[in-house]
């Protein structure tokens, strides 16, 4: 491949097809270096593998290795190609399809849900610390565990009629199980 041959393609199915056609325009393709094959390059990796190309994982260049050239996709692509041609990059990219992709997606969804749950519970605890005393008393008397706190707080609803008719708008919450209003 000539050193001055570069082109850009969109990260879409059509763009991947254009890329493979462009690559085949240079003749037989021995192997293709792919950066970030498990994340941003996953779609590209799947498309090239489906076309029967031999893939090689190329690590992202480090900032100091780029020197004064800065971040540039064409420069990074050329550096990746040079690593593949020099046999400096030989790792096979992770499989990103089938059962592997399904497991990765399930793990990512679970990790996101756990992180969201933790954030919500921490926020609930912090709000309880700064809540008005009558509300804190009502909640603390009926909760024994964190799960209990969630159950108690899930029963709250905002009563607009109380909020509009009193000067205690911030305290216009009702507790549905006891019927008590604040």
Protein backbone atom coordinates (compact mmCIF):
# COMPACT_ATOMS: atom_id res chain seq x y z
CA UNK A 1 0.00 0.00 0.00
CA UNK A 2 1.29 3.43 -0.81
CA UNK A 3 2.08 5.60 2.22
CA UNK A 4 0.05 8.49 0.81
CA UNK A 5 -3.14 6.44 0.35
CA UNK A 6 -5.77 7.35 2.91
CA UNK A 7 -9.50 7.83 2.85
CA UNK A 8 -12.31 8.32 5.33
CA UNK A 9 -15.42 6.20 5.69
CA UNK A 10 -18.50 6.58 7.90
CA UNK A 11 -18.92 4.11 10.77
CA UNK A 12 -22.03 2.59 9.19
CA UNK A 13 -22.79 -0.62 7.34
CA UNK A 14 -22.49 1.22 4.04
CA UNK A 15 -19.22 2.84 5.14
CA UNK A 16 -17.78 -0.55 6.11
CA UNK A 17 -18.73 -1.91 2.67
CA UNK A 18 -17.01 1.09 1.03
CA UNK A 19 -13.92 0.49 3.16
CA UNK A 20 -13.65 -3.19 2.24
CA UNK A 21 -14.07 -2.32 -1.46
CA UNK A 22 -11.37 0.34 -1.09
CA UNK A 23 -9.03 -2.13 0.62
CA UNK A 24 -9.61 -4.80 -2.05
CA UNK A 25 -8.75 -2.14 -4.65
CA UNK A 26 -5.11 -2.49 -3.55
CA UNK A 27 -5.10 -6.23 -4.31
CA UNK A 28 -5.06 -9.14 -1.90
CA UNK A 29 -5.35 -8.03 1.71
CA UNK A 30 -3.10 -10.05 4.02
CA UNK A 31 -4.34 -8.55 7.31
CA UNK A 32 -5.96 -5.44 8.70
CA UNK A 33 -5.04 -3.64 11.90
CA UNK A 34 -7.99 -2.49 14.01
CA UNK A 35 -7.77 -0.14 16.98
CA UNK A 36 -10.35 -0.39 19.81
CA UNK A 37 -11.86 -3.59 18.43
CA UNK A 38 -13.82 -4.15 21.65
CA UNK A 39 -15.44 -0.71 21.79
CA UNK A 40 -15.51 1.98 19.10
CA UNK A 41 -14.05 -0.39 16.51
CA UNK A 42 -16.43 -3.30 17.29
CA UNK A 43 -18.71 -2.66 14.29
CA UNK A 44 -15.73 -2.33 11.97
CA UNK A 45 -14.21 -5.50 13.41
CA UNK A 46 -17.42 -7.46 12.78
CA UNK A 47 -17.73 -6.12 9.22
CA UNK A 48 -14.13 -6.92 8.29
CA UNK A 49 -14.32 -10.39 9.88
CA UNK A 50 -17.54 -11.09 7.96
CA UNK A 51 -15.65 -10.19 4.77
CA UNK A 52 -13.11 -12.88 5.67
CA UNK A 53 -10.23 -10.55 6.48
CA UNK A 54 -7.54 -11.50 8.97
CA UNK A 55 -7.61 -8.96 11.78
CA UNK A 56 -4.93 -7.75 14.15
CA UNK A 57 -5.59 -5.72 17.31
CA UNK A 58 -3.51 -2.54 17.39
CA UNK A 59 -3.09 -0.67 20.67
CA UNK A 60 -3.85 3.05 20.64
CA UNK A 61 -0.70 5.12 20.32
CA UNK A 62 0.32 6.80 23.55
CA UNK A 63 0.43 10.58 23.69
CA UNK A 64 4.20 10.74 24.13
CA UNK A 65 4.70 8.34 21.20
CA UNK A 66 2.92 10.77 18.87
CA UNK A 67 5.43 13.45 19.73
CA UNK A 68 4.55 16.86 18.37
CA UNK A 69 2.24 15.50 15.68
CA UNK A 70 -0.81 15.52 17.98
CA UNK A 71 -4.02 13.51 17.62
CA UNK A 72 -4.84 12.80 14.00
CA UNK A 73 -6.88 9.90 12.58
CA UNK A 74 -4.81 9.64 9.36
CA UNK A 75 -1.55 9.69 11.35
CA UNK A 76 -2.90 7.11 13.83
CA UNK A 77 -4.12 4.90 10.94
CA UNK A 78 -0.71 5.04 9.30
CA UNK A 79 1.01 4.22 12.60
CA UNK A 80 -1.35 1.25 13.06
CA UNK A 81 -0.63 0.01 9.53
CA UNK A 82 3.11 0.29 10.13
CA UNK A 83 2.81 -1.73 13.37
CA UNK A 84 0.95 -4.49 11.53
CA UNK A 85 3.43 -4.54 8.64
CA UNK A 86 6.37 -4.67 11.09
CA UNK A 87 4.70 -7.52 13.05
CA UNK A 88 4.69 -5.33 16.19
CA UNK A 89 0.93 -5.90 16.51
CA UNK A 90 -0.03 -9.56 16.44
CA UNK A 91 -2.92 -9.95 18.88
CA UNK A 92 -6.20 -11.29 17.55
CA UNK A 93 -9.16 -9.02 18.40
CA UNK A 94 -11.74 -10.27 20.88
CA UNK A 95 -14.82 -11.89 19.43
CA UNK A 96 -17.61 -9.29 19.34
CA UNK A 97 -20.47 -11.33 18.00
CA UNK A 98 -22.83 -14.12 19.00
CA UNK A 99 -22.79 -15.31 22.58
CA UNK A 100 -19.78 -13.13 23.46
CA UNK A 101 -21.62 -9.96 22.47
CA UNK A 102 -24.78 -11.07 24.29
CA UNK A 103 -22.85 -11.70 27.51
CA UNK A 104 -21.00 -8.38 27.18
CA UNK A 105 -24.30 -6.52 26.75
CA UNK A 106 -25.88 -8.26 29.73
CA UNK A 107 -22.87 -7.45 31.90
CA UNK A 108 -22.88 -3.81 30.80
CA UNK A 109 -26.62 -3.53 31.53
CA UNK A 110 -26.19 -5.11 34.97
CA UNK A 111 -23.23 -2.90 35.86
CA UNK A 112 -25.23 0.18 34.82
CA UNK A 113 -28.22 -0.94 36.88
CA UNK A 114 -26.09 -1.59 39.98
CA UNK A 115 -24.40 1.80 39.60
CA UNK A 116 -27.79 3.51 39.18
CA UNK A 117 -29.23 1.72 42.21
CA UNK A 118 -26.28 2.72 44.36
CA UNK A 119 -26.54 6.36 43.24
CA UNK A 120 -30.29 6.44 43.94
CA UNK A 121 -29.90 4.92 47.41
CA UNK A 122 -27.07 7.33 48.29
CA UNK A 123 -29.20 10.24 47.14
CA UNK A 124 -32.15 8.99 49.20
CA UNK A 125 -29.95 8.74 52.32
CA UNK A 126 -28.61 12.27 51.76
CA UNK A 127 -32.12 13.66 51.28
CA UNK A 128 -33.26 11.97 54.47
CA UNK A 129 -30.50 13.74 56.41
CA UNK A 130 -31.72 17.17 55.22
CA UNK A 131 -35.46 16.46 55.31
CA UNK A 132 -37.75 18.40 57.68
CA UNK A 133 -37.94 16.88 61.15
CA UNK A 134 -41.58 15.66 60.92
CA UNK A 135 -40.79 13.82 57.70
CA UNK A 136 -37.55 12.34 59.10
CA UNK A 137 -39.40 11.18 62.22
CA UNK A 138 -42.15 9.55 60.14
CA UNK A 139 -39.65 7.75 57.94
CA UNK A 140 -37.22 6.69 60.66
CA UNK A 141 -39.98 5.25 62.83
CA UNK A 142 -41.16 2.96 60.05
CA UNK A 143 -37.86 1.88 58.48
CA UNK A 144 -35.52 -0.77 59.76
CA UNK A 145 -33.46 -1.52 56.64
CA UNK A 146 -32.47 0.23 53.45
CA UNK A 147 -35.08 -1.82 51.60
CA UNK A 148 -37.62 -0.67 54.16
CA UNK A 149 -36.65 2.95 53.53
CA UNK A 150 -37.27 2.49 49.83
CA UNK A 151 -40.68 0.91 50.47
CA UNK A 152 -41.69 3.74 52.81
CA UNK A 153 -40.53 6.48 50.43
CA UNK A 154 -42.20 4.80 47.46
CA UNK A 155 -45.56 5.32 49.21
CA UNK A 156 -45.18 9.10 49.32
CA UNK A 157 -47.11 11.28 46.93
CA UNK A 158 -47.34 15.03 46.51
CA UNK A 159 -50.65 16.55 47.59
CA UNK A 160 -51.19 19.70 45.51
CA UNK A 161 -54.33 20.74 47.43
CA UNK A 162 -52.35 21.03 50.67
CA UNK A 163 -49.47 22.79 48.90
CA UNK A 164 -51.75 25.41 47.36
CA UNK A 165 -53.80 26.05 50.47
CA UNK A 166 -50.97 26.46 53.00
CA UNK A 167 -47.66 28.19 53.35
CA UNK A 168 -46.07 24.78 53.96
CA UNK A 169 -45.72 23.90 50.28
CA UNK A 170 -42.32 22.21 50.78
CA UNK A 171 -43.92 19.93 53.41
CA UNK A 172 -47.08 19.04 51.46
CA UNK A 173 -46.48 15.34 51.26
CA UNK A 174 -48.83 12.60 52.33
CA UNK A 175 -48.09 9.11 53.42
CA UNK A 176 -50.64 6.83 51.79
CA UNK A 177 -50.45 3.88 54.17
CA UNK A 178 -51.26 5.87 57.29
CA UNK A 179 -53.31 8.63 55.73
CA UNK A 180 -51.28 11.16 57.69
CA UNK A 181 -50.42 14.42 55.97
CA UNK A 182 -47.61 16.80 56.67
